[in-house]
Amino acid sequence: MTALQALMTIGLCVFGTMLTRFLPFILFPENRETPKYIRELGRVLPYAVIGLLIVYCLKDVNFLGGSHGIPELIAVVFIVIVHTWKKNVLLSIAGGTLLYMVLVQYIFIG
């Protein structure tokens, strides 16, 4: 990659980042009411993203072989309990990940 190509690539990345950061403020200024469909998306998309992540994380679990998905199930239940109890996303994710890794590395060796 030449210096000109590198400079153009960096410039396009900066432009794309700035566009995605500033566009919402340009399209929905503070003095106008936010459209109803945007407010509705803001209400439902976080739950949809979490559902998508759950499906993605559990898509390759083999319930018929190996540990039968037991470590995954234990980790998911742990995450739900910790999040319901502490209401801390970072604690829920980090604790669930740590528990899952301990389970698959030391307990459910297969």
PDB file of N, CA and C in Angstrom:
ATOM      1  N   MET A   1       0.852  -1.167   0.000  1.00  0.00           N
ATOM      2  CA  MET A   1       0.000   0.000   0.000  1.00  0.00           C
ATOM      3  C   MET A   1       0.902   1.237   0.000  1.00  0.00           C
ATOM      4  N   THR A   2       0.631   2.116  -0.914  1.00  0.00           N
ATOM      5  CA  THR A   2       1.427   3.343  -0.991  1.00  0.00           C
ATOM      6  C   THR A   2       0.973   4.319   0.090  1.00  0.00           C
ATOM      7  N   ALA A   3       1.770   5.369   0.261  1.00  0.00           N
ATOM      8  CA  ALA A   3       1.431   6.384   1.266  1.00  0.00           C
ATOM      9  C   ALA A   3       0.116   7.074   0.911  1.00  0.00           C
ATOM     10  N   LEU A   4      -0.108   7.307  -0.367  1.00  0.00           N
ATOM     11  CA  LEU A   4      -1.354   7.947  -0.799  1.00  0.00           C
ATOM     12  C   LEU A   4      -2.556   7.046  -0.498  1.00  0.00           C
ATOM     13  N   GLN A   5      -2.424   5.760  -0.780  1.00  0.00           N
ATOM     14  CA  GLN A   5      -3.513   4.825  -0.486  1.00  0.00           C
ATOM     15  C   GLN A   5      -3.777   4.748   1.019  1.00  0.00           C
ATOM     16  N   ALA A   6      -2.738   4.731   1.816  1.00  0.00           N
ATOM     17  CA  ALA A   6      -2.901   4.693   3.269  1.00  0.00           C
ATOM     18  C   ALA A   6      -3.591   5.961   3.754  1.00  0.00           C
ATOM     19  N   LEU A   7      -3.190   7.115   3.231  1.00  0.00           N
ATOM     20  CA  LEU A   7      -3.803   8.378   3.612  1.00  0.00           C
ATOM     21  C   LEU A   7      -5.276   8.422   3.210  1.00  0.00           C
ATOM     22  N   MET A   8      -5.584   7.925   2.024  1.00  0.00           N
ATOM     23  CA  MET A   8      -6.979   7.889   1.565  1.00  0.00           C
ATOM     24  C   MET A   8      -7.806   6.941   2.433  1.00  0.00           C
ATOM     25  N   THR A   9      -7.235   5.811   2.803  1.00  0.00           N
ATOM     26  CA  THR A   9      -7.940   4.851   3.656  1.00  0.00           C
ATOM     27  C   THR A   9      -8.236   5.464   5.025  1.00  0.00           C
ATOM     28  N   ILE A  10      -7.236   6.096   5.607  1.00  0.00           N
ATOM     29  CA  ILE A  10      -7.439   6.747   6.902  1.00  0.00           C
ATOM     30  C   ILE A  10      -8.479   7.846   6.792  1.00  0.00           C
ATOM     31  N   GLY A  11      -8.410   8.642   5.733  1.00  0.00           N
ATOM     32  CA  GLY A  11      -9.392   9.717   5.529  1.00  0.00           C
ATOM     33  C   GLY A  11     -10.806   9.188   5.394  1.00  0.00           C
ATOM     34  N   LEU A  12     -10.985   8.104   4.641  1.00  0.00           N
ATOM     35  CA  LEU A  12     -12.318   7.516   4.492  1.00  0.00           C
ATOM     36  C   LEU A  12     -12.824   6.922   5.805  1.00  0.00           C
ATOM     37  N   CYS A  13     -11.930   6.335   6.590  1.00  0.00           N
ATOM     38  CA  CYS A  13     -12.340   5.809   7.904  1.00  0.00           C
ATOM     39  C   CYS A  13     -12.772   6.938   8.829  1.00  0.00           C
ATOM     40  N   VAL A  14     -12.018   8.042   8.813  1.00  0.00           N
ATOM     41  CA  VAL A  14     -12.379   9.198   9.632  1.00  0.00           C
ATOM     42  C   VAL A  14     -13.724   9.762   9.185  1.00  0.00           C
ATOM     43  N   PHE A  15     -13.909   9.892   7.872  1.00  0.00           N
ATOM     44  CA  PHE A  15     -15.166  10.410   7.340  1.00  0.00           C
ATOM     45  C   PHE A  15     -16.343   9.510   7.724  1.00  0.00           C
ATOM     46  N   GLY A  16     -16.179   8.217   7.568  1.00  0.00           N
ATOM     47  CA  GLY A  16     -17.252   7.281   7.923  1.00  0.00           C
ATOM     48  C   GLY A  16     -17.596   7.329   9.399  1.00  0.00           C
ATOM     49  N   THR A  17     -16.564   7.411  10.241  1.00  0.00           N
ATOM     50  CA  THR A  17     -16.803   7.496  11.682  1.00  0.00           C
ATOM     51  C   THR A  17     -17.515   8.792  12.040  1.00  0.00           C
ATOM     52  N   MET A  18     -17.054   9.901  11.499  1.00  0.00           N
ATOM     53  CA  MET A  18     -17.685  11.184  11.799  1.00  0.00           C
ATOM     54  C   MET A  18     -19.122  11.215  11.284  1.00  0.00           C
ATOM     55  N   LEU A  19     -19.361  10.644  10.109  1.00  0.00           N
ATOM     56  CA  LEU A  19     -20.708  10.623   9.552  1.00  0.00           C
ATOM     57  C   LEU A  19     -21.667   9.854  10.459  1.00  0.00           C
ATOM     58  N   THR A  20     -21.236   8.688  10.939  1.00  0.00           N
ATOM     59  CA  THR A  20     -22.121   7.906  11.802  1.00  0.00           C
ATOM     60  C   THR A  20     -22.313   8.561  13.164  1.00  0.00           C
ATOM     61  N   ARG A  21     -21.358   9.362  13.609  1.00  0.00           N
ATOM     62  CA  ARG A  21     -21.493  10.052  14.897  1.00  0.00           C
ATOM     63  C   ARG A  21     -22.396  11.282  14.787  1.00  0.00           C
ATOM     64  N   PHE A  22     -22.265  12.044  13.690  1.00  0.00           N
ATOM     65  CA  PHE A  22     -22.980  13.314  13.564  1.00  0.00           C
ATOM     66  C   PHE A  22     -24.342  13.184  12.917  1.00  0.00           C
ATOM     67  N   LEU A  23     -24.559  12.157  12.102  1.00  0.00           N
ATOM     68  CA  LEU A  23     -25.806  12.025  11.347  1.00  0.00           C
ATOM     69  C   LEU A  23     -27.066  12.017  12.224  1.00  0.00           C
ATOM     70  N   PRO A  24     -27.088  11.309  13.360  1.00  0.00           N
ATOM     71  CA  PRO A  24     -28.297  11.359  14.190  1.00  0.00           C
ATOM     72  C   PRO A  24     -28.645  12.763  14.668  1.00  0.00           C
ATOM     73  N   PHE A  25     -27.627  13.574  14.973  1.00  0.00           N
ATOM     74  CA  PHE A  25     -27.881  14.934  15.446  1.00  0.00           C
ATOM     75  C   PHE A  25     -28.354  15.835  14.302  1.00  0.00           C
ATOM     76  N   ILE A  26     -27.936  15.524  13.093  1.00  0.00           N
ATOM     77  CA  ILE A  26     -28.387  16.300  11.931  1.00  0.00           C
ATOM     78  C   ILE A  26     -29.816  15.905  11.562  1.00  0.00           C
ATOM     79  N   LEU A  27     -30.097  14.610  11.557  1.00  0.00           N
ATOM     80  CA  LEU A  27     -31.429  14.134  11.166  1.00  0.00           C
ATOM     81  C   LEU A  27     -32.492  14.426  12.225  1.00  0.00           C
ATOM     82  N   PHE A  28     -32.115  14.382  13.502  1.00  0.00           N
ATOM     83  CA  PHE A  28     -33.069  14.570  14.597  1.00  0.00           C
ATOM     84  C   PHE A  28     -32.589  15.678  15.529  1.00  0.00           C
ATOM     85  N   PRO A  29     -32.723  16.933  15.110  1.00  0.00           N
ATOM     86  CA  PRO A  29     -32.252  18.036  15.967  1.00  0.00           C
ATOM     87  C   PRO A  29     -33.056  18.120  17.266  1.00  0.00           C
ATOM     88  N   GLU A  30     -32.462  18.768  18.242  1.00  0.00           N
ATOM     89  CA  GLU A  30     -33.045  18.829  19.582  1.00  0.00           C
ATOM     90  C   GLU A  30     -34.368  19.589  19.614  1.00  0.00           C
ATOM     91  N   ASN A  31     -34.541  20.554  18.712  1.00  0.00           N
ATOM     92  CA  ASN A  31     -35.754  21.372  18.743  1.00  0.00           C
ATOM     93  C   ASN A  31     -36.955  20.712  18.067  1.00  0.00           C
ATOM     94  N   ARG A  32     -36.757  19.532  17.463  1.00  0.00           N
ATOM     95  CA  ARG A  32     -37.868  18.792  16.845  1.00  0.00           C
ATOM     96  C   ARG A  32     -38.127  17.504  17.598  1.00  0.00           C
ATOM     97  N   GLU A  33     -39.377  17.078  17.589  1.00  0.00           N
ATOM     98  CA  GLU A  33     -39.719  15.829  18.262  1.00  0.00           C
ATOM     99  C   GLU A  33     -39.198  14.643  17.446  1.00  0.00           C
ATOM    100  N   THR A  34     -38.665  13.657  18.156  1.00  0.00           N
ATOM    101  CA  THR A  34     -38.163  12.453  17.496  1.00  0.00           C
ATOM    102  C   THR A  34     -39.341  11.658  16.949  1.00  0.00           C
ATOM    103  N   PRO A  35     -39.246  11.181  15.693  1.00  0.00           N
ATOM    104  CA  PRO A  35     -40.359  10.415  15.116  1.00  0.00           C
ATOM    105  C   PRO A  35     -40.714   9.194  15.966  1.00  0.00           C
ATOM    106  N   LYS A  36     -41.972   8.820  15.906  1.00  0.00           N
ATOM    107  CA  LYS A  36     -42.481   7.723  16.733  1.00  0.00           C
ATOM    108  C   LYS A  36     -41.772   6.400  16.440  1.00  0.00           C
ATOM    109  N   TYR A  37     -41.491   6.127  15.146  1.00  0.00           N
ATOM    110  CA  TYR A  37     -40.857   4.845  14.809  1.00  0.00           C
ATOM    111  C   TYR A  37     -39.425   4.772  15.352  1.00  0.00           C
ATOM    112  N   ILE A  38     -38.731   5.891  15.460  1.00  0.00           N
ATOM    113  CA  ILE A  38     -37.391   5.897  16.034  1.00  0.00           C
ATOM    114  C   ILE A  38     -37.458   5.632  17.541  1.00  0.00           C
ATOM    115  N   ARG A  39     -38.416   6.248  18.211  1.00  0.00           N
ATOM    116  CA  ARG A  39     -38.593   5.983  19.649  1.00  0.00           C
ATOM    117  C   ARG A  39     -38.947   4.515  19.875  1.00  0.00           C
ATOM    118  N   GLU A  40     -39.796   3.958  18.996  1.00  0.00           N
ATOM    119  CA  GLU A  40     -40.173   2.543  19.120  1.00  0.00           C
ATOM    120  C   GLU A  40     -38.954   1.637  18.913  1.00  0.00           C
ATOM    121  N   LEU A  41     -38.122   1.965  17.923  1.00  0.00           N
ATOM    122  CA  LEU A  41     -36.897   1.184  17.711  1.00  0.00           C
ATOM    123  C   LEU A  41     -35.980   1.267  18.932  1.00  0.00           C
ATOM    124  N   GLY A  42     -35.878   2.447  19.529  1.00  0.00           N
ATOM    125  CA  GLY A  42     -35.057   2.605  20.732  1.00  0.00           C
ATOM    126  C   GLY A  42     -35.582   1.785  21.899  1.00  0.00           C
ATOM    127  N   ARG A  43     -36.881   1.535  21.878  1.00  0.00           N
ATOM    128  CA  ARG A  43     -37.480   0.748  22.961  1.00  0.00           C
ATOM    129  C   ARG A  43     -37.280  -0.747  22.750  1.00  0.00           C
ATOM    130  N   VAL A  44     -37.367  -1.236  21.517  1.00  0.00           N
ATOM    131  CA  VAL A  44     -37.346  -2.684  21.281  1.00  0.00           C
ATOM    132  C   VAL A  44     -35.994  -3.242  20.838  1.00  0.00           C
ATOM    133  N   LEU A  45     -35.139  -2.435  20.235  1.00  0.00           N
ATOM    134  CA  LEU A  45     -33.881  -2.966  19.718  1.00  0.00           C
ATOM    135  C   LEU A  45     -32.940  -3.537  20.780  1.00  0.00           C
ATOM    136  N   PRO A  46     -32.806  -2.940  21.959  1.00  0.00           N
ATOM    137  CA  PRO A  46     -31.911  -3.573  22.943  1.00  0.00           C
ATOM    138  C   PRO A  46     -32.299  -5.019  23.267  1.00  0.00           C
ATOM    139  N   TYR A  47     -33.594  -5.282  23.398  1.00  0.00           N
ATOM    140  CA  TYR A  47     -34.045  -6.652  23.681  1.00  0.00           C
ATOM    141  C   TYR A  47     -33.807  -7.563  22.483  1.00  0.00           C
ATOM    142  N   ALA A  48     -33.998  -7.038  21.281  1.00  0.00           N
ATOM    143  CA  ALA A  48     -33.760  -7.833  20.074  1.00  0.00           C
ATOM    144  C   ALA A  48     -32.279  -8.193  19.945  1.00  0.00           C
ATOM    145  N   VAL A  49     -31.409  -7.258  20.266  1.00  0.00           N
ATOM    146  CA  VAL A  49     -29.967  -7.521  20.186  1.00  0.00           C
ATOM    147  C   VAL A  49     -29.560  -8.581  21.206  1.00  0.00           C
ATOM    148  N   ILE A  50     -30.082  -8.494  22.422  1.00  0.00           N
ATOM    149  CA  ILE A  50     -29.766  -9.501  23.443  1.00  0.00           C
ATOM    150  C   ILE A  50     -30.263 -10.873  22.990  1.00  0.00           C
ATOM    151  N   GLY A  51     -31.473 -10.936  22.447  1.00  0.00           N
ATOM    152  CA  GLY A  51     -31.998 -12.208  21.927  1.00  0.00           C
ATOM    153  C   GLY A  51     -31.123 -12.766  20.821  1.00  0.00           C
ATOM    154  N   LEU A  52     -30.665 -11.895  19.925  1.00  0.00           N
ATOM    155  CA  LEU A  52     -29.786 -12.318  18.839  1.00  0.00           C
ATOM    156  C   LEU A  52     -28.461 -12.850  19.391  1.00  0.00           C
ATOM    157  N   LEU A  53     -27.907 -12.193  20.397  1.00  0.00           N
ATOM    158  CA  LEU A  53     -26.668 -12.660  21.000  1.00  0.00           C
ATOM    159  C   LEU A  53     -26.837 -14.014  21.680  1.00  0.00           C
ATOM    160  N   ILE A  54     -27.967 -14.217  22.334  1.00  0.00           N
ATOM    161  CA  ILE A  54     -28.222 -15.502  22.982  1.00  0.00           C
ATOM    162  C   ILE A  54     -28.289 -16.615  21.939  1.00  0.00           C
ATOM    163  N   VAL A  55     -29.026 -16.366  20.864  1.00  0.00           N
ATOM    164  CA  VAL A  55     -29.122 -17.367  19.790  1.00  0.00           C
ATOM    165  C   VAL A  55     -27.752 -17.636  19.197  1.00  0.00           C
ATOM    166  N   TYR A  56     -26.979 -16.585  18.945  1.00  0.00           N
ATOM    167  CA  TYR A  56     -25.645 -16.749  18.365  1.00  0.00           C
ATOM    168  C   TYR A  56     -24.725 -17.547  19.292  1.00  0.00           C
ATOM    169  N   CYS A  57     -24.776 -17.261  20.582  1.00  0.00           N
ATOM    170  CA  CYS A  57     -23.894 -17.951  21.529  1.00  0.00           C
ATOM    171  C   CYS A  57     -24.266 -19.418  21.710  1.00  0.00           C
ATOM    172  N   LEU A  58     -25.538 -19.747  21.574  1.00  0.00           N
ATOM    173  CA  LEU A  58     -25.972 -21.126  21.827  1.00  0.00           C
ATOM    174  C   LEU A  58     -26.203 -21.933  20.550  1.00  0.00           C
ATOM    175  N   LYS A  59     -25.919 -21.367  19.375  1.00  0.00           N
ATOM    176  CA  LYS A  59     -26.237 -22.038  18.113  1.00  0.00           C
ATOM    177  C   LYS A  59     -25.430 -23.321  17.880  1.00  0.00           C
ATOM    178  N   ASP A  60     -24.232 -23.396  18.406  1.00  0.00           N
ATOM    179  CA  ASP A  60     -23.385 -24.567  18.168  1.00  0.00           C
ATOM    180  C   ASP A  60     -23.355 -25.546  19.335  1.00  0.00           C
ATOM    181  N   VAL A  61     -24.222 -25.373  20.313  1.00  0.00           N
ATOM    182  CA  VAL A  61     -24.252 -26.274  21.465  1.00  0.00           C
ATOM    183  C   VAL A  61     -24.814 -27.620  21.012  1.00  0.00           C
ATOM    184  N   ASN A  62     -24.091 -28.682  21.326  1.00  0.00           N
ATOM    185  CA  ASN A  62     -24.510 -30.024  20.963  1.00  0.00           C
ATOM    186  C   ASN A  62     -25.185 -30.661  22.181  1.00  0.00           C
ATOM    187  N   PHE A  63     -26.506 -30.676  22.165  1.00  0.00           N
ATOM    188  CA  PHE A  63     -27.254 -31.210  23.304  1.00  0.00           C
ATOM    189  C   PHE A  63     -27.290 -32.740  23.316  1.00  0.00           C
ATOM    190  N   LEU A  64     -26.830 -33.362  22.233  1.00  0.00           N
ATOM    191  CA  LEU A  64     -26.873 -34.827  22.145  1.00  0.00           C
ATOM    192  C   LEU A  64     -25.527 -35.487  22.405  1.00  0.00           C
ATOM    193  N   GLY A  65     -24.464 -34.706  22.481  1.00  0.00           N
ATOM    194  CA  GLY A  65     -23.148 -35.305  22.683  1.00  0.00           C
ATOM    195  C   GLY A  65     -22.335 -34.512  23.670  1.00  0.00           C
ATOM    196  N   GLY A  66     -21.207 -35.057  24.069  1.00  0.00           N
ATOM    197  CA  GLY A  66     -20.310 -34.362  24.984  1.00  0.00           C
ATOM    198  C   GLY A  66     -20.958 -34.076  26.323  1.00  0.00           C
ATOM    199  N   SER A  67     -20.931 -32.836  26.718  1.00  0.00           N
ATOM    200  CA  SER A  67     -21.481 -32.449  28.020  1.00  0.00           C
ATOM    201  C   SER A  67     -22.963 -32.109  27.933  1.00  0.00           C
ATOM    202  N   HIS A  68     -23.578 -32.291  26.772  1.00  0.00           N
ATOM    203  CA  HIS A  68     -25.020 -32.078  26.561  1.00  0.00           C
ATOM    204  C   HIS A  68     -25.465 -30.647  26.842  1.00  0.00           C
ATOM    205  N   GLY A  69     -24.562 -29.680  26.691  1.00  0.00           N
ATOM    206  CA  GLY A  69     -24.912 -28.284  26.894  1.00  0.00           C
ATOM    207  C   GLY A  69     -25.027 -27.868  28.348  1.00  0.00           C
ATOM    208  N   ILE A  70     -24.547 -28.709  29.256  1.00  0.00           N
ATOM    209  CA  ILE A  70     -24.667 -28.404  30.686  1.00  0.00           C
ATOM    210  C   ILE A  70     -23.861 -27.153  31.075  1.00  0.00           C
ATOM    211  N   PRO A  71     -22.599 -26.985  30.631  1.00  0.00           N
ATOM    212  CA  PRO A  71     -21.870 -25.764  31.005  1.00  0.00           C
ATOM    213  C   PRO A  71     -22.561 -24.490  30.497  1.00  0.00           C
ATOM    214  N   GLU A  72     -23.087 -24.556  29.283  1.00  0.00           N
ATOM    215  CA  GLU A  72     -23.776 -23.397  28.720  1.00  0.00           C
ATOM    216  C   GLU A  72     -25.026 -23.056  29.523  1.00  0.00           C
ATOM    217  N   LEU A  73     -25.783 -24.085  29.877  1.00  0.00           N
ATOM    218  CA  LEU A  73     -27.001 -23.871  30.658  1.00  0.00           C
ATOM    219  C   LEU A  73     -26.677 -23.296  32.041  1.00  0.00           C
ATOM    220  N   ILE A  74     -25.658 -23.825  32.694  1.00  0.00           N
ATOM    221  CA  ILE A  74     -25.256 -23.317  34.007  1.00  0.00           C
ATOM    222  C   ILE A  74     -24.830 -21.849  33.891  1.00  0.00           C
ATOM    223  N   ALA A  75     -24.042 -21.529  32.867  1.00  0.00           N
ATOM    224  CA  ALA A  75     -23.573 -20.149  32.695  1.00  0.00           C
ATOM    225  C   ALA A  75     -24.733 -19.196  32.408  1.00  0.00           C
ATOM    226  N   VAL A  76     -25.681 -19.607  31.571  1.00  0.00           N
ATOM    227  CA  VAL A  76     -26.827 -18.756  31.261  1.00  0.00           C
ATOM    228  C   VAL A  76     -27.668 -18.504  32.512  1.00  0.00           C
ATOM    229  N   VAL A  77     -27.926 -19.549  33.276  1.00  0.00           N
ATOM    230  CA  VAL A  77     -28.710 -19.388  34.511  1.00  0.00           C
ATOM    231  C   VAL A  77     -27.959 -18.475  35.483  1.00  0.00           C
ATOM    232  N   PHE A  78     -26.645 -18.656  35.597  1.00  0.00           N
ATOM    233  CA  PHE A  78     -25.828 -17.795  36.463  1.00  0.00           C
ATOM    234  C   PHE A  78     -25.932 -16.336  36.045  1.00  0.00           C
ATOM    235  N   ILE A  79     -25.829 -16.071  34.731  1.00  0.00           N
ATOM    236  CA  ILE A  79     -25.909 -14.699  34.224  1.00  0.00           C
ATOM    237  C   ILE A  79     -27.264 -14.081  34.558  1.00  0.00           C
ATOM    238  N   VAL A  80     -28.329 -14.836  34.366  1.00  0.00           N
ATOM    239  CA  VAL A  80     -29.676 -14.315  34.655  1.00  0.00           C
ATOM    240  C   VAL A  80     -29.811 -14.005  36.147  1.00  0.00           C
ATOM    241  N   ILE A  81     -29.333 -14.902  36.994  1.00  0.00           N
ATOM    242  CA  ILE A  81     -29.445 -14.684  38.448  1.00  0.00           C
ATOM    243  C   ILE A  81     -28.621 -13.477  38.892  1.00  0.00           C
ATOM    244  N   VAL A  82     -27.372 -13.398  38.436  1.00  0.00           N
ATOM    245  CA  VAL A  82     -26.507 -12.285  38.842  1.00  0.00           C
ATOM    246  C   VAL A  82     -27.067 -10.962  38.324  1.00  0.00           C
ATOM    247  N   HIS A  83     -27.546 -10.945  37.082  1.00  0.00           N
ATOM    248  CA  HIS A  83     -28.069  -9.695  36.542  1.00  0.00           C
ATOM    249  C   HIS A  83     -29.359  -9.276  37.247  1.00  0.00           C
ATOM    250  N   THR A  84     -30.205 -10.227  37.559  1.00  0.00           N
ATOM    251  CA  THR A  84     -31.437  -9.902  38.297  1.00  0.00           C
ATOM    252  C   THR A  84     -31.103  -9.392  39.694  1.00  0.00           C
ATOM    253  N   TRP A  85     -30.092  -9.967  40.304  1.00  0.00           N
ATOM    254  CA  TRP A  85     -29.714  -9.612  41.668  1.00  0.00           C
ATOM    255  C   TRP A  85     -28.981  -8.266  41.726  1.00  0.00           C
ATOM    256  N   LYS A  86     -27.929  -8.095  40.911  1.00  0.00           N
ATOM    257  CA  LYS A  86     -27.066  -6.917  41.008  1.00  0.00           C
ATOM    258  C   LYS A  86     -27.386  -5.826  39.976  1.00  0.00           C
ATOM    259  N   LYS A  87     -28.082  -6.161  38.905  1.00  0.00           N
ATOM    260  CA  LYS A  87     -28.402  -5.205  37.823  1.00  0.00           C
ATOM    261  C   LYS A  87     -27.137  -4.533  37.280  1.00  0.00           C
ATOM    262  N   ASN A  88     -26.090  -5.327  37.095  1.00  0.00           N
ATOM    263  CA  ASN A  88     -24.810  -4.825  36.606  1.00  0.00           C
ATOM    264  C   ASN A  88     -24.407  -5.660  35.397  1.00  0.00           C
ATOM    265  N   VAL A  89     -24.448  -5.048  34.218  1.00  0.00           N
ATOM    266  CA  VAL A  89     -24.170  -5.775  32.980  1.00  0.00           C
ATOM    267  C   VAL A  89     -22.745  -6.312  32.962  1.00  0.00           C
ATOM    268  N   LEU A  90     -21.783  -5.484  33.349  1.00  0.00           N
ATOM    269  CA  LEU A  90     -20.391  -5.915  33.326  1.00  0.00           C
ATOM    270  C   LEU A  90     -20.157  -7.114  34.249  1.00  0.00           C
ATOM    271  N   LEU A  91     -20.727  -7.057  35.436  1.00  0.00           N
ATOM    272  CA  LEU A  91     -20.596  -8.171  36.376  1.00  0.00           C
ATOM    273  C   LEU A  91     -21.264  -9.431  35.824  1.00  0.00           C
ATOM    274  N   SER A  92     -22.417  -9.284  35.227  1.00  0.00           N
ATOM    275  CA  SER A  92     -23.129 -10.435  34.664  1.00  0.00           C
ATOM    276  C   SER A  92     -22.322 -11.089  33.548  1.00  0.00           C
ATOM    277  N   ILE A  93     -21.844 -10.281  32.609  1.00  0.00           N
ATOM    278  CA  ILE A  93     -21.110 -10.824  31.456  1.00  0.00           C
ATOM    279  C   ILE A  93     -19.768 -11.407  31.896  1.00  0.00           C
ATOM    280  N   ALA A  94     -19.015 -10.652  32.690  1.00  0.00           N
ATOM    281  CA  ALA A  94     -17.698 -11.134  33.117  1.00  0.00           C
ATOM    282  C   ALA A  94     -17.825 -12.378  33.993  1.00  0.00           C
ATOM    283  N   GLY A  95     -18.779 -12.363  34.928  1.00  0.00           N
ATOM    284  CA  GLY A  95     -18.967 -13.523  35.796  1.00  0.00           C
ATOM    285  C   GLY A  95     -19.420 -14.750  35.026  1.00  0.00           C
ATOM    286  N   GLY A  96     -20.348 -14.563  34.101  1.00  0.00           N
ATOM    287  CA  GLY A  96     -20.832 -15.685  33.294  1.00  0.00           C
ATOM    288  C   GLY A  96     -19.743 -16.257  32.398  1.00  0.00           C
ATOM    289  N   THR A  97     -18.942 -15.379  31.805  1.00  0.00           N
ATOM    290  CA  THR A  97     -17.836 -15.829  30.953  1.00  0.00           C
ATOM    291  C   THR A  97     -16.804 -16.592  31.771  1.00  0.00           C
ATOM    292  N   LEU A  98     -16.453 -16.048  32.922  1.00  0.00           N
ATOM    293  CA  LEU A  98     -15.480 -16.716  33.793  1.00  0.00           C
ATOM    294  C   LEU A  98     -15.988 -18.083  34.247  1.00  0.00           C
ATOM    295  N   LEU A  99     -17.239 -18.133  34.675  1.00  0.00           N
ATOM    296  CA  LEU A  99     -17.819 -19.408  35.105  1.00  0.00           C
ATOM    297  C   LEU A  99     -17.820 -20.413  33.958  1.00  0.00           C
ATOM    298  N   TYR A 100     -18.238 -19.984  32.781  1.00  0.00           N
ATOM    299  CA  TYR A 100     -18.271 -20.889  31.627  1.00  0.00           C
ATOM    300  C   TYR A 100     -16.881 -21.423  31.310  1.00  0.00           C
ATOM    301  N   MET A 101     -15.879 -20.540  31.320  1.00  0.00           N
ATOM    302  CA  MET A 101     -14.525 -20.981  30.997  1.00  0.00           C
ATOM    303  C   MET A 101     -13.997 -21.969  32.045  1.00  0.00           C
ATOM    304  N   VAL A 102     -14.285 -21.736  33.312  1.00  0.00           N
ATOM    305  CA  VAL A 102     -13.876 -22.687  34.357  1.00  0.00           C
ATOM    306  C   VAL A 102     -14.578 -24.026  34.139  1.00  0.00           C
ATOM    307  N   LEU A 103     -15.868 -23.976  33.825  1.00  0.00           N
ATOM    308  CA  LEU A 103     -16.624 -25.221  33.612  1.00  0.00           C
ATOM    309  C   LEU A 103     -16.056 -26.031  32.450  1.00  0.00           C
ATOM    310  N   VAL A 104     -15.803 -25.383  31.309  1.00  0.00           N
ATOM    311  CA  VAL A 104     -15.349 -26.152  30.145  1.00  0.00           C
ATOM    312  C   VAL A 104     -13.866 -26.521  30.215  1.00  0.00           C
ATOM    313  N   GLN A 105     -13.057 -25.761  30.981  1.00  0.00           N
ATOM    314  CA  GLN A 105     -11.643 -26.063  31.050  1.00  0.00           C
ATOM    315  C   GLN A 105     -11.286 -27.068  32.138  1.00  0.00           C
ATOM    316  N   TYR A 106     -12.052 -27.063  33.252  1.00  0.00           N
ATOM    317  CA  TYR A 106     -11.642 -27.874  34.383  1.00  0.00           C
ATOM    318  C   TYR A 106     -12.676 -28.912  34.839  1.00  0.00           C
ATOM    319  N   ILE A 107     -13.947 -28.682  34.562  1.00  0.00           N
ATOM    320  CA  ILE A 107     -14.970 -29.585  35.081  1.00  0.00           C
ATOM    321  C   ILE A 107     -15.538 -30.485  34.005  1.00  0.00           C
ATOM    322  N   PHE A 108     -16.017 -29.910  32.915  1.00  0.00           N
ATOM    323  CA  PHE A 108     -16.599 -30.687  31.809  1.00  0.00           C
ATOM    324  C   PHE A 108     -15.563 -30.861  30.709  1.00  0.00           C
ATOM    325  N   ILE A 109     -14.522 -31.548  31.005  1.00  0.00           N
ATOM    326  CA  ILE A 109     -13.448 -31.754  30.030  1.00  0.00           C
ATOM    327  C   ILE A 109     -13.912 -32.838  29.045  1.00  0.00           C
ATOM    328  N   GLY A 110     -13.875 -32.496  27.782  1.00  0.00           N
ATOM    329  CA  GLY A 110     -14.382 -33.484  26.840  1.00  0.00           C
ATOM    330  C   GLY A 110     -13.781 -33.285  25.547  1.00  0.00           C
TER     331      GLY A 110
END
